[in-house]
Amino acid sequence: MKYKIEHINTFHYETLVDQSMNNIRLKPRTDECQRLISYRADISPVSLAKESTDLWGNSVETFFIAEIHQSLEVKTTSVVSIQKSPFIEQIDYSPEMQSIFHSDLFRRHYLASLNQTAYTYIEPYQVEHIVREIGNTENPVKFSMDLMKYIHEVFSYDPNATDVNTKATESIEGRRGVCQDYAHVMIGVLRARGIPARYVSGYLYVGENSALVGDSATHAWVEVMVPGIGWVGLDPTNNVESLDNHIRVCVGRDYADVSPLQGVYRGGKHTLDVKVSVSIMDQ
């Protein structure tokens, strides 16, 4: 599948801004299943961006605007090709995979994806309740799939219930939220169970007459490390494996590592308008 993604972020400031510095993480990744064909970032007021790579392998573009402005627009246009087949439900969790999963070397290597963060931490009693609800299993693949289904069925998608600062403990209490909250809760439970998991930001192609949710802005889902297989994407918002309609941009421990726009400016309050369009180019 080949997709074209147009993403426009427009900041409107209540007073004049005389300088601002920003980081953007909006450039899709290239890996074994996804290829970035083209990418362009247009910034207004015009500014040149310097690209670097962060600790997690994400592309980070930094730009500085010194001139006085009252709005800022960042428009990115990407073309991405994805080729991926479903497989996680077909995985036979072998004794060899189990041996690797429980080894000290495996745990040390993926320590960053096992440690909780402020976003993903969940109280032990909350974890115990969820484990009782879905059933205990030593197979981390099955547990991850069961957890994804549980979150999808128990939580209600509600854009007004949370914000970007909401933590997993709060989301569990309210059982409402958006894809960011679903991902943080799932990651928190997985890490509490000793299963390496990381946060993924990107885009979702929905198309027509689809029940999938998450195409109005950037989407978020989870990747689980399966020994001998690699990182496997699971989307608790939609209860599906991330396949050829999930376009990966960034990975990290939680939302803070992959925030699409981060910056500082000198001026008054602001509002942000986000528009995302994902269209299919060919099949």
C-alpha atoms as a PDB file:
ATOM      1  CA  MET A   1       0.000   0.000   0.000  1.00  0.00           C
ATOM      2  CA  LYS A   2       1.150   3.527  -0.760  1.00  0.00           C
ATOM      3  CA  TYR A   3      -0.233   6.488   1.149  1.00  0.00           C
ATOM      4  CA  LYS A   4      -0.050  10.261   1.005  1.00  0.00           C
ATOM      5  CA  ILE A   5      -0.274  12.042   4.347  1.00  0.00           C
ATOM      6  CA  GLU A   6      -0.896  15.758   4.750  1.00  0.00           C
ATOM      7  CA  HIS A   7      -0.626  17.091   8.283  1.00  0.00           C
ATOM      8  CA  ILE A   8      -1.209  20.763   9.103  1.00  0.00           C
ATOM      9  CA  ASN A   9      -0.643  22.264  12.558  1.00  0.00           C
ATOM     10  CA  THR A  10      -1.665  25.908  12.926  1.00  0.00           C
ATOM     11  CA  PHE A  11      -0.922  27.910  16.075  1.00  0.00           C
ATOM     12  CA  HIS A  12      -2.799  31.163  16.700  1.00  0.00           C
ATOM     13  CA  TYR A  13      -1.401  33.424  19.439  1.00  0.00           C
ATOM     14  CA  GLU A  14      -3.471  35.938  21.378  1.00  0.00           C
ATOM     15  CA  THR A  15      -0.565  38.410  21.316  1.00  0.00           C
ATOM     16  CA  LEU A  16       2.379  39.008  19.033  1.00  0.00           C
ATOM     17  CA  VAL A  17       5.211  36.497  19.422  1.00  0.00           C
ATOM     18  CA  ASP A  18       8.691  37.845  18.834  1.00  0.00           C
ATOM     19  CA  GLN A  19      10.563  34.530  18.870  1.00  0.00           C
ATOM     20  CA  SER A  20       9.932  30.810  19.149  1.00  0.00           C
ATOM     21  CA  MET A  21      11.913  27.579  19.025  1.00  0.00           C
ATOM     22  CA  ASN A  22      10.285  24.291  18.094  1.00  0.00           C
ATOM     23  CA  ASN A  23      10.956  20.591  17.644  1.00  0.00           C
ATOM     24  CA  ILE A  24       8.763  18.519  15.349  1.00  0.00           C
ATOM     25  CA  ARG A  25       8.574  14.739  15.084  1.00  0.00           C
ATOM     26  CA  LEU A  26       6.447  14.269  11.998  1.00  0.00           C
ATOM     27  CA  LYS A  27       8.690  12.413   9.552  1.00  0.00           C
ATOM     28  CA  PRO A  28       7.581   8.773   9.027  1.00  0.00           C
ATOM     29  CA  ARG A  29      10.116   6.039   9.674  1.00  0.00           C
ATOM     30  CA  THR A  30      11.758   3.649   7.234  1.00  0.00           C
ATOM     31  CA  ASP A  31      12.174   0.051   8.392  1.00  0.00           C
ATOM     32  CA  GLU A  32      11.711  -3.530   7.225  1.00  0.00           C
ATOM     33  CA  CYS A  33       7.966  -3.075   6.645  1.00  0.00           C
ATOM     34  CA  GLN A  34       7.671   0.626   5.812  1.00  0.00           C
ATOM     35  CA  ARG A  35       9.497   2.841   3.327  1.00  0.00           C
ATOM     36  CA  LEU A  36       9.433   6.628   3.282  1.00  0.00           C
ATOM     37  CA  ILE A  37       9.317   7.684  -0.366  1.00  0.00           C
ATOM     38  CA  SER A  38       9.152  11.440   0.090  1.00  0.00           C
ATOM     39  CA  TYR A  39       8.755  14.000   2.861  1.00  0.00           C
ATOM     40  CA  ARG A  40       8.487  17.780   2.955  1.00  0.00           C
ATOM     41  CA  ALA A  41       7.993  20.226   5.817  1.00  0.00           C
ATOM     42  CA  ASP A  42       6.722  23.742   5.030  1.00  0.00           C
ATOM     43  CA  ILE A  43       6.959  26.257   7.867  1.00  0.00           C
ATOM     44  CA  SER A  44       5.342  29.700   7.938  1.00  0.00           C
ATOM     45  CA  PRO A  45       6.849  32.155   8.833  1.00  0.00           C
ATOM     46  CA  VAL A  46       9.587  30.645   6.728  1.00  0.00           C
ATOM     47  CA  SER A  47      12.307  28.936   8.712  1.00  0.00           C
ATOM     48  CA  LEU A  48      14.987  26.370   7.955  1.00  0.00           C
ATOM     49  CA  ALA A  49      14.875  23.214  10.049  1.00  0.00           C
ATOM     50  CA  LYS A  50      17.868  21.227  11.235  1.00  0.00           C
ATOM     51  CA  GLU A  51      17.291  17.467  11.347  1.00  0.00           C
ATOM     52  CA  SER A  52      18.705  15.090  13.957  1.00  0.00           C
ATOM     53  CA  THR A  53      17.940  11.636  15.340  1.00  0.00           C
ATOM     54  CA  ASP A  54      16.880  11.095  18.944  1.00  0.00           C
ATOM     55  CA  LEU A  55      17.667   8.222  21.313  1.00  0.00           C
ATOM     56  CA  TRP A  56      14.818   6.106  19.917  1.00  0.00           C
ATOM     57  CA  GLY A  57      15.752   6.545  16.259  1.00  0.00           C
ATOM     58  CA  ASN A  58      13.072   9.154  15.550  1.00  0.00           C
ATOM     59  CA  SER A  59      13.681  12.054  13.186  1.00  0.00           C
ATOM     60  CA  VAL A  60      13.615  15.415  15.004  1.00  0.00           C
ATOM     61  CA  GLU A  61      13.514  18.712  13.112  1.00  0.00           C
ATOM     62  CA  THR A  62      14.399  21.870  15.040  1.00  0.00           C
ATOM     63  CA  PHE A  63      13.678  25.396  13.845  1.00  0.00           C
ATOM     64  CA  PHE A  64      13.845  28.912  15.273  1.00  0.00           C
ATOM     65  CA  ILE A  65      11.719  31.898  14.299  1.00  0.00           C
ATOM     66  CA  ALA A  66      13.079  35.303  15.305  1.00  0.00           C
ATOM     67  CA  GLU A  67      10.637  37.574  13.475  1.00  0.00           C
ATOM     68  CA  ILE A  68       7.425  38.868  15.028  1.00  0.00           C
ATOM     69  CA  HIS A  69       4.411  36.673  14.222  1.00  0.00           C
ATOM     70  CA  GLN A  70       0.922  35.946  15.520  1.00  0.00           C
ATOM     71  CA  SER A  71       0.446  32.553  13.879  1.00  0.00           C
ATOM     72  CA  LEU A  72       2.637  29.594  13.031  1.00  0.00           C
ATOM     73  CA  GLU A  73       1.831  26.900  10.495  1.00  0.00           C
ATOM     74  CA  VAL A  74       3.723  23.639  10.066  1.00  0.00           C
ATOM     75  CA  LYS A  75       2.576  21.567   7.090  1.00  0.00           C
ATOM     76  CA  THR A  76       4.153  18.205   6.348  1.00  0.00           C
ATOM     77  CA  THR A  77       3.506  16.097   3.268  1.00  0.00           C
ATOM     78  CA  SER A  78       4.676  12.488   3.197  1.00  0.00           C
ATOM     79  CA  VAL A  79       4.411   9.548   0.819  1.00  0.00           C
ATOM     80  CA  VAL A  80       4.878   6.147   2.444  1.00  0.00           C
ATOM     81  CA  SER A  81       4.805   2.584   1.154  1.00  0.00           C
ATOM     82  CA  ILE A  82       3.883  -0.253   3.535  1.00  0.00           C
ATOM     83  CA  GLN A  83       4.064  -3.984   3.002  1.00  0.00           C
ATOM     84  CA  LYS A  84       3.092  -6.118   5.953  1.00  0.00           C
ATOM     85  CA  SER A  85       1.129  -9.308   6.515  1.00  0.00           C
ATOM     86  CA  PRO A  86      -0.762 -10.353   9.646  1.00  0.00           C
ATOM     87  CA  PHE A  87       1.009 -12.966  11.695  1.00  0.00           C
ATOM     88  CA  ILE A  88       0.744 -12.488  15.436  1.00  0.00           C
ATOM     89  CA  GLU A  89      -2.274 -14.774  15.846  1.00  0.00           C
ATOM     90  CA  GLN A  90      -0.341 -17.477  13.995  1.00  0.00           C
ATOM     91  CA  ILE A  91       2.653 -17.366  16.340  1.00  0.00           C
ATOM     92  CA  ASP A  92       3.374 -20.639  18.104  1.00  0.00           C
ATOM     93  CA  TYR A  93       4.955 -19.542  21.364  1.00  0.00           C
ATOM     94  CA  SER A  94       7.694 -22.148  21.563  1.00  0.00           C
ATOM     95  CA  PRO A  95       9.772 -23.260  24.595  1.00  0.00           C
ATOM     96  CA  GLU A  96      12.771 -21.551  22.961  1.00  0.00           C
ATOM     97  CA  MET A  97      10.903 -18.230  22.784  1.00  0.00           C
ATOM     98  CA  GLN A  98       9.834 -18.644  26.399  1.00  0.00           C
ATOM     99  CA  SER A  99      13.432 -19.289  27.438  1.00  0.00           C
ATOM    100  CA  ILE A 100      14.586 -16.090  25.725  1.00  0.00           C
ATOM    101  CA  PHE A 101      11.722 -14.100  27.245  1.00  0.00           C
ATOM    102  CA  HIS A 102      12.713 -15.077  30.787  1.00  0.00           C
ATOM    103  CA  SER A 103      16.462 -14.605  30.297  1.00  0.00           C
ATOM    104  CA  ASP A 104      18.387 -11.838  32.061  1.00  0.00           C
ATOM    105  CA  LEU A 105      19.957 -10.745  28.764  1.00  0.00           C
ATOM    106  CA  PHE A 106      16.529 -10.182  27.194  1.00  0.00           C
ATOM    107  CA  ARG A 107      15.300  -8.140  30.137  1.00  0.00           C
ATOM    108  CA  ARG A 108      18.447  -6.017  30.338  1.00  0.00           C
ATOM    109  CA  HIS A 109      18.357  -5.313  26.615  1.00  0.00           C
ATOM    110  CA  TYR A 110      14.750  -4.060  26.743  1.00  0.00           C
ATOM    111  CA  LEU A 111      14.932  -2.388  30.153  1.00  0.00           C
ATOM    112  CA  ALA A 112      13.758   0.975  28.774  1.00  0.00           C
ATOM    113  CA  SER A 113      10.586  -0.731  27.546  1.00  0.00           C
ATOM    114  CA  LEU A 114      10.016  -2.440  30.891  1.00  0.00           C
ATOM    115  CA  ASN A 115      10.395   0.537  33.234  1.00  0.00           C
ATOM    116  CA  GLN A 116       7.271   2.533  34.015  1.00  0.00           C
ATOM    117  CA  THR A 117       7.043   6.266  33.373  1.00  0.00           C
ATOM    118  CA  ALA A 118       4.802   8.950  34.823  1.00  0.00           C
ATOM    119  CA  TYR A 119       2.404   8.384  31.927  1.00  0.00           C
ATOM    120  CA  THR A 120       2.292   4.576  32.092  1.00  0.00           C
ATOM    121  CA  TYR A 121       2.523   3.808  35.806  1.00  0.00           C
ATOM    122  CA  ILE A 122      -0.457   1.853  37.107  1.00  0.00           C
ATOM    123  CA  GLU A 123      -1.219   1.025  40.717  1.00  0.00           C
ATOM    124  CA  PRO A 124      -0.684  -2.674  41.577  1.00  0.00           C
ATOM    125  CA  TYR A 125      -4.333  -3.125  42.549  1.00  0.00           C
ATOM    126  CA  GLN A 126      -5.384  -1.792  39.145  1.00  0.00           C
ATOM    127  CA  VAL A 127      -3.105  -4.271  37.399  1.00  0.00           C
ATOM    128  CA  GLU A 128      -4.394  -7.146  39.544  1.00  0.00           C
ATOM    129  CA  HIS A 129      -7.995  -6.237  38.721  1.00  0.00           C
ATOM    130  CA  ILE A 130      -7.335  -6.249  34.978  1.00  0.00           C
ATOM    131  CA  VAL A 131      -5.409  -9.535  35.138  1.00  0.00           C
ATOM    132  CA  ARG A 132      -8.321 -11.133  37.009  1.00  0.00           C
ATOM    133  CA  GLU A 133     -10.728  -9.795  34.382  1.00  0.00           C
ATOM    134  CA  ILE A 134      -8.867 -11.164  31.359  1.00  0.00           C
ATOM    135  CA  GLY A 135      -7.338 -14.278  32.944  1.00  0.00           C
ATOM    136  CA  ASN A 136      -3.775 -15.144  33.807  1.00  0.00           C
ATOM    137  CA  THR A 137      -1.544 -16.729  31.164  1.00  0.00           C
ATOM    138  CA  GLU A 138       2.192 -17.276  30.884  1.00  0.00           C
ATOM    139  CA  ASN A 139       2.087 -16.731  27.126  1.00  0.00           C
ATOM    140  CA  PRO A 140       2.962 -13.025  26.641  1.00  0.00           C
ATOM    141  CA  VAL A 141       1.618 -13.020  23.072  1.00  0.00           C
ATOM    142  CA  LYS A 142      -1.795 -14.304  24.137  1.00  0.00           C
ATOM    143  CA  PHE A 143      -1.827 -12.010  27.167  1.00  0.00           C
ATOM    144  CA  SER A 144      -1.081  -8.988  24.957  1.00  0.00           C
ATOM    145  CA  MET A 145      -3.872  -9.912  22.553  1.00  0.00           C
ATOM    146  CA  ASP A 146      -6.336 -10.502  25.402  1.00  0.00           C
ATOM    147  CA  LEU A 147      -5.359  -7.196  27.015  1.00  0.00           C
ATOM    148  CA  MET A 148      -5.836  -5.322  23.744  1.00  0.00           C
ATOM    149  CA  LYS A 149      -9.339  -6.787  23.373  1.00  0.00           C
ATOM    150  CA  TYR A 150     -10.191  -6.031  27.013  1.00  0.00           C
ATOM    151  CA  ILE A 151      -9.200  -2.361  26.773  1.00  0.00           C
ATOM    152  CA  HIS A 152     -11.102  -1.985  23.513  1.00  0.00           C
ATOM    153  CA  GLU A 153     -14.271  -3.463  25.003  1.00  0.00           C
ATOM    154  CA  VAL A 154     -14.166  -1.872  28.466  1.00  0.00           C
ATOM    155  CA  PHE A 155     -13.007   1.651  27.612  1.00  0.00           C
ATOM    156  CA  SER A 156     -15.142   4.254  25.844  1.00  0.00           C
ATOM    157  CA  TYR A 157     -13.609   6.461  23.178  1.00  0.00           C
ATOM    158  CA  ASP A 158     -14.259  10.007  24.404  1.00  0.00           C
ATOM    159  CA  PRO A 159     -12.130  12.937  23.139  1.00  0.00           C
ATOM    160  CA  ASN A 160     -13.507  15.194  25.874  1.00  0.00           C
ATOM    161  CA  ALA A 161     -12.653  12.948  28.828  1.00  0.00           C
ATOM    162  CA  THR A 162      -8.872  13.418  28.882  1.00  0.00           C
ATOM    163  CA  ASP A 163      -6.055  15.623  27.607  1.00  0.00           C
ATOM    164  CA  VAL A 164      -2.391  15.177  26.688  1.00  0.00           C
ATOM    165  CA  ASN A 165      -1.393  15.272  30.363  1.00  0.00           C
ATOM    166  CA  THR A 166      -3.703  12.458  31.525  1.00  0.00           C
ATOM    167  CA  LYS A 167      -1.917   9.526  33.157  1.00  0.00           C
ATOM    168  CA  ALA A 168      -2.772   5.826  32.860  1.00  0.00           C
ATOM    169  CA  THR A 169      -4.006   5.601  36.460  1.00  0.00           C
ATOM    170  CA  GLU A 170      -6.570   8.323  35.749  1.00  0.00           C
ATOM    171  CA  SER A 171      -7.651   6.726  32.471  1.00  0.00           C
ATOM    172  CA  ILE A 172      -8.283   3.409  34.182  1.00  0.00           C
ATOM    173  CA  GLU A 173     -10.470   5.034  36.832  1.00  0.00           C
ATOM    174  CA  GLY A 174     -12.604   6.787  34.240  1.00  0.00           C
ATOM    175  CA  ARG A 175     -12.387   4.055  31.575  1.00  0.00           C
ATOM    176  CA  ARG A 176     -12.635   6.759  28.958  1.00  0.00           C
ATOM    177  CA  GLY A 177     -10.215   8.550  26.676  1.00  0.00           C
ATOM    178  CA  VAL A 178      -8.548   8.534  23.281  1.00  0.00           C
ATOM    179  CA  CYS A 179      -5.874   6.464  21.563  1.00  0.00           C
ATOM    180  CA  GLN A 180      -3.110   8.008  23.702  1.00  0.00           C
ATOM    181  CA  ASP A 181      -4.878   6.854  26.865  1.00  0.00           C
ATOM    182  CA  TYR A 182      -5.602   3.378  25.504  1.00  0.00           C
ATOM    183  CA  ALA A 183      -1.917   2.996  24.612  1.00  0.00           C
ATOM    184  CA  HIS A 184      -0.629   4.202  27.993  1.00  0.00           C
ATOM    185  CA  VAL A 185      -2.922   1.851  29.892  1.00  0.00           C
ATOM    186  CA  MET A 186      -1.949  -1.132  27.750  1.00  0.00           C
ATOM    187  CA  ILE A 187       1.764  -0.337  28.062  1.00  0.00           C
ATOM    188  CA  GLY A 188       1.449   0.077  31.823  1.00  0.00           C
ATOM    189  CA  VAL A 189      -0.169  -3.324  32.294  1.00  0.00           C
ATOM    190  CA  LEU A 190       2.257  -5.065  29.937  1.00  0.00           C
ATOM    191  CA  ARG A 191       5.305  -3.607  31.683  1.00  0.00           C
ATOM    192  CA  ALA A 192       3.871  -4.539  35.075  1.00  0.00           C
ATOM    193  CA  ARG A 193       3.683  -8.103  33.747  1.00  0.00           C
ATOM    194  CA  GLY A 194       7.293  -8.019  32.556  1.00  0.00           C
ATOM    195  CA  ILE A 195       6.457  -7.698  28.855  1.00  0.00           C
ATOM    196  CA  PRO A 196       8.539  -5.091  26.955  1.00  0.00           C
ATOM    197  CA  ALA A 197       6.210  -2.550  25.332  1.00  0.00           C
ATOM    198  CA  ARG A 198       6.648   0.828  23.682  1.00  0.00           C
ATOM    199  CA  TYR A 199       4.466   3.701  22.489  1.00  0.00           C
ATOM    200  CA  VAL A 200       4.008   4.316  18.759  1.00  0.00           C
ATOM    201  CA  SER A 201       2.732   7.490  17.132  1.00  0.00           C
ATOM    202  CA  GLY A 202       1.693   7.711  13.523  1.00  0.00           C
ATOM    203  CA  TYR A 203      -1.252   7.828  11.192  1.00  0.00           C
ATOM    204  CA  LEU A 204      -4.144   5.496  10.461  1.00  0.00           C
ATOM    205  CA  TYR A 205      -5.768   5.018   7.079  1.00  0.00           C
ATOM    206  CA  VAL A 206      -9.454   4.360   7.632  1.00  0.00           C
ATOM    207  CA  GLY A 207     -11.015   4.631   4.188  1.00  0.00           C
ATOM    208  CA  GLU A 208     -14.729   4.484   3.539  1.00  0.00           C
ATOM    209  CA  ASN A 209     -17.294   2.545   5.569  1.00  0.00           C
ATOM    210  CA  SER A 210     -14.738   1.535   8.189  1.00  0.00           C
ATOM    211  CA  ALA A 211     -15.262   1.038  11.899  1.00  0.00           C
ATOM    212  CA  LEU A 212     -11.684   2.057  12.707  1.00  0.00           C
ATOM    213  CA  VAL A 213     -11.156   5.124  14.889  1.00  0.00           C
ATOM    214  CA  GLY A 214      -8.223   7.507  14.868  1.00  0.00           C
ATOM    215  CA  ASP A 215      -7.792   9.200  11.499  1.00  0.00           C
ATOM    216  CA  SER A 216      -8.756  12.753  12.475  1.00  0.00           C
ATOM    217  CA  ALA A 217      -5.312  13.474  13.945  1.00  0.00           C
ATOM    218  CA  THR A 218      -2.165  11.541  14.759  1.00  0.00           C
ATOM    219  CA  HIS A 219      -2.892   8.033  16.024  1.00  0.00           C
ATOM    220  CA  ALA A 220      -1.231   6.021  18.792  1.00  0.00           C
ATOM    221  CA  TRP A 221      -0.831   2.321  19.441  1.00  0.00           C
ATOM    222  CA  VAL A 222       1.498  -0.164  21.162  1.00  0.00           C
ATOM    223  CA  GLU A 223       4.373  -2.378  20.083  1.00  0.00           C
ATOM    224  CA  VAL A 224       5.213  -5.529  22.031  1.00  0.00           C
ATOM    225  CA  MET A 225       8.597  -7.270  21.804  1.00  0.00           C
ATOM    226  CA  VAL A 226       8.119 -10.935  20.911  1.00  0.00           C
ATOM    227  CA  PRO A 227      11.308 -13.029  21.255  1.00  0.00           C
ATOM    228  CA  GLY A 228      12.514 -14.283  17.899  1.00  0.00           C
ATOM    229  CA  ILE A 229       9.944 -12.163  16.028  1.00  0.00           C
ATOM    230  CA  GLY A 230      10.587  -8.536  16.940  1.00  0.00           C
ATOM    231  CA  TRP A 231       8.315  -5.602  17.656  1.00  0.00           C
ATOM    232  CA  VAL A 232       4.654  -6.386  16.937  1.00  0.00           C
ATOM    233  CA  GLY A 233       2.122  -3.561  16.728  1.00  0.00           C
ATOM    234  CA  LEU A 234      -1.228  -3.793  18.524  1.00  0.00           C
ATOM    235  CA  ASP A 235      -3.926  -1.111  18.381  1.00  0.00           C
ATOM    236  CA  PRO A 236      -6.157  -1.250  21.485  1.00  0.00           C
ATOM    237  CA  THR A 237      -8.327   1.604  20.245  1.00  0.00           C
ATOM    238  CA  ASN A 238      -9.511  -0.605  17.391  1.00  0.00           C
ATOM    239  CA  ASN A 239      -8.628  -4.091  18.692  1.00  0.00           C
ATOM    240  CA  VAL A 240      -6.506  -4.882  15.636  1.00  0.00           C
ATOM    241  CA  GLU A 241      -2.919  -5.675  14.842  1.00  0.00           C
ATOM    242  CA  SER A 242      -1.163  -2.745  13.183  1.00  0.00           C
ATOM    243  CA  LEU A 243      -0.843  -3.809   9.581  1.00  0.00           C
ATOM    244  CA  ASP A 244      -0.588  -2.003   6.267  1.00  0.00           C
ATOM    245  CA  ASN A 245      -2.958   0.808   7.267  1.00  0.00           C
ATOM    246  CA  HIS A 246      -0.897   1.915  10.284  1.00  0.00           C
ATOM    247  CA  ILE A 247       1.811   4.394   9.283  1.00  0.00           C
ATOM    248  CA  ARG A 248       4.597   4.627  11.875  1.00  0.00           C
ATOM    249  CA  VAL A 249       6.234   7.979  12.671  1.00  0.00           C
ATOM    250  CA  CYS A 250       7.871   7.691  16.103  1.00  0.00           C
ATOM    251  CA  VAL A 251       8.437   5.202  18.912  1.00  0.00           C
ATOM    252  CA  GLY A 252       9.295   5.832  22.548  1.00  0.00           C
ATOM    253  CA  ARG A 253       8.547   5.030  26.166  1.00  0.00           C
ATOM    254  CA  ASP A 254       5.351   7.113  26.181  1.00  0.00           C
ATOM    255  CA  TYR A 255       3.752  10.182  24.603  1.00  0.00           C
ATOM    256  CA  ALA A 256       6.433  12.521  25.969  1.00  0.00           C
ATOM    257  CA  ASP A 257       9.055  10.839  23.770  1.00  0.00           C
ATOM    258  CA  VAL A 258       7.047  11.186  20.556  1.00  0.00           C
ATOM    259  CA  SER A 259       5.087  14.433  20.910  1.00  0.00           C
ATOM    260  CA  PRO A 260       4.600  15.776  17.353  1.00  0.00           C
ATOM    261  CA  LEU A 261       5.361  19.368  18.328  1.00  0.00           C
ATOM    262  CA  GLN A 262       7.333  20.702  21.257  1.00  0.00           C
ATOM    263  CA  GLY A 263       8.531  24.244  21.684  1.00  0.00           C
ATOM    264  CA  VAL A 264       8.824  27.456  23.623  1.00  0.00           C
ATOM    265  CA  TYR A 265       7.843  30.981  22.619  1.00  0.00           C
ATOM    266  CA  ARG A 266       7.629  34.469  24.086  1.00  0.00           C
ATOM    267  CA  GLY A 267       4.084  35.728  23.967  1.00  0.00           C
ATOM    268  CA  GLY A 268       0.519  35.101  25.168  1.00  0.00           C
ATOM    269  CA  LYS A 269      -1.695  32.050  25.135  1.00  0.00           C
ATOM    270  CA  HIS A 270      -2.320  30.093  21.959  1.00  0.00           C
ATOM    271  CA  THR A 271      -4.806  27.793  20.278  1.00  0.00           C
ATOM    272  CA  LEU A 272      -3.888  24.886  18.009  1.00  0.00           C
ATOM    273  CA  ASP A 273      -5.786  23.660  14.963  1.00  0.00           C
ATOM    274  CA  VAL A 274      -4.795  20.243  13.602  1.00  0.00           C
ATOM    275  CA  LYS A 275      -5.799  18.777  10.244  1.00  0.00           C
ATOM    276  CA  VAL A 276      -4.705  15.340   9.048  1.00  0.00           C
ATOM    277  CA  SER A 277      -5.501  13.728   5.723  1.00  0.00           C
ATOM    278  CA  VAL A 278      -4.438  10.181   4.819  1.00  0.00           C
ATOM    279  CA  SER A 279      -5.243   9.049   1.277  1.00  0.00           C
ATOM    280  CA  ILE A 280      -4.383   5.886  -0.572  1.00  0.00           C
ATOM    281  CA  MET A 281      -2.357   6.245  -3.757  1.00  0.00           C
ATOM    282  CA  ASP A 282      -2.351   2.678  -5.057  1.00  0.00           C
ATOM    283  CA  GLN A 283      -2.775  -0.926  -3.920  1.00  0.00           C
END
